[in-house]
């Protein structure tokens, strides 16, 4: 099994703010925590028997940080609908980088909340002395936004 956690802290600066569009420069830090566990690990020897001394379970975890810089936009399509996009690049050293692309629409059904539907693509590449993580993650996103 593989579990991954990700947290992000950042800020934005508005480059343009019009009636229907807002463009921002964003930056901050991302934290990744990955845990991999392989159970029932069996290696057969040349004669078909299991090789003695090998573990039946292998577990490894690692966490790492990256600074990131990117941009995002918001477009107001109507009073209730907004289109949002984001593109960023994360860097934590020559063997530690990522990028994220995201496009979503949100429906503001009340003055304090909105439902978000979209698609996200992430490419994460990390390598240290004893651990390598090279992953492409993509798929739909569903979220709830509190607005204040």
Foldseek 3Di string as FASTA:
>chain_A
DKDKDKDWDKDWDWPDDDPFKTKIKMKGKMKMKMKDKDAQDFDADPVGHTDPPDDRMDIDMDMDMWIKIWMKMWGDPDPFKIKIWIWMKTDDDPQWIKIKTWIWMWGHPDQFKIKIKTKMWMFTWHDDPPDTDTDIDIDMDIDMDTDD
